[in-house]
């Protein structure tokens, strides 16, 4: 399976009128040593995400033993430089 060059991502634009979320096309990242690349079929934005963008909700602390997000993943081939 060939990897696509680009993907769609949700980005934040900050302006004087406040933050705004928008859909943007960006390059597919290449995993580094000890990392994997997964294909996410869909993802949601919830109220906590919106409050965090506005600065009203602290970011969740990463815990190495616990997954922060739930997703359905499909394995993709490893990219080697």
Protein backbone atom coordinates (compact mmCIF):
# COMPACT_ATOMS: atom_id res chain seq x y z
CA UNK A 1 0.00 0.00 0.00
CA UNK A 2 1.46 3.35 -1.03
CA UNK A 3 1.25 6.22 1.42
CA UNK A 4 -0.50 9.41 0.34
CA UNK A 5 1.62 12.56 0.30
CA UNK A 6 -1.02 14.69 2.05
CA UNK A 7 -3.79 14.34 4.62
CA UNK A 8 -6.57 16.49 6.05
CA UNK A 9 -6.10 17.95 9.55
CA UNK A 10 -7.92 20.32 11.88
CA UNK A 11 -5.85 23.46 12.48
CA UNK A 12 -6.27 26.50 14.72
CA UNK A 13 -6.14 30.05 13.40
CA UNK A 14 -5.79 32.74 16.05
CA UNK A 15 -6.85 36.31 15.32
CA UNK A 16 -8.10 39.39 17.16
CA UNK A 17 -11.66 38.00 16.95
CA UNK A 18 -10.59 34.77 18.68
CA UNK A 19 -9.49 31.27 17.71
CA UNK A 20 -11.08 29.45 14.78
CA UNK A 21 -10.83 25.77 13.81
CA UNK A 22 -10.60 24.92 10.12
CA UNK A 23 -9.87 21.92 7.93
CA UNK A 24 -6.51 22.06 6.17
CA UNK A 25 -4.49 19.84 3.86
CA UNK A 26 -1.03 19.07 5.21
CA UNK A 27 1.85 16.65 4.54
CA UNK A 28 1.65 13.15 6.00
CA UNK A 29 4.22 12.99 8.84
CA UNK A 30 7.08 10.50 8.76
CA UNK A 31 7.59 8.61 12.04
CA UNK A 32 10.93 8.83 13.79
CA UNK A 33 12.81 6.11 15.66
CA UNK A 34 10.49 4.21 18.01
CA UNK A 35 7.36 5.78 16.46
CA UNK A 36 4.65 4.32 14.24
CA UNK A 37 2.32 5.86 11.67
CA UNK A 38 -1.37 5.01 11.85
CA UNK A 39 -4.19 5.84 9.47
CA UNK A 40 -7.17 7.39 11.25
CA UNK A 41 -10.45 6.96 9.38
CA UNK A 42 -12.30 9.62 11.39
CA UNK A 43 -11.88 11.80 14.44
CA UNK A 44 -14.17 14.10 16.35
CA UNK A 45 -13.95 17.49 17.99
CA UNK A 46 -15.74 17.77 21.33
CA UNK A 47 -16.56 20.57 23.75
CA UNK A 48 -13.33 20.08 25.75
CA UNK A 49 -11.35 20.49 22.50
CA UNK A 50 -13.13 23.77 21.76
CA UNK A 51 -12.63 25.05 25.32
CA UNK A 52 -8.92 24.15 25.14
CA UNK A 53 -8.51 26.11 21.89
CA UNK A 54 -10.12 29.10 23.62
CA UNK A 55 -7.75 28.72 26.60
CA UNK A 56 -10.45 27.70 29.12
CA UNK A 57 -9.52 24.04 29.55
CA UNK A 58 -6.05 22.75 30.51
CA UNK A 59 -4.47 20.23 28.13
CA UNK A 60 -4.60 16.61 29.22
CA UNK A 61 -1.35 15.27 30.66
CA UNK A 62 0.17 12.47 28.60
CA UNK A 63 0.45 9.17 30.43
CA UNK A 64 2.77 6.60 28.84
CA UNK A 65 0.70 3.65 30.12
CA UNK A 66 -2.71 5.00 29.04
CA UNK A 67 -4.07 5.92 25.63
CA UNK A 68 -5.34 9.50 25.49
CA UNK A 69 -7.62 8.94 22.48
CA UNK A 70 -9.73 6.08 21.20
CA UNK A 71 -9.45 5.30 17.52
CA UNK A 72 -9.74 2.55 14.95
CA UNK A 73 -6.36 2.03 13.30
CA UNK A 74 -5.06 0.33 10.17
CA UNK A 75 -1.39 -0.66 9.90
CA UNK A 76 0.62 1.12 7.21
CA UNK A 77 4.05 0.16 5.86
CA UNK A 78 7.12 1.46 7.69
CA UNK A 79 8.81 4.39 5.98
CA UNK A 80 12.58 4.19 5.74
CA UNK A 81 14.68 7.13 4.47
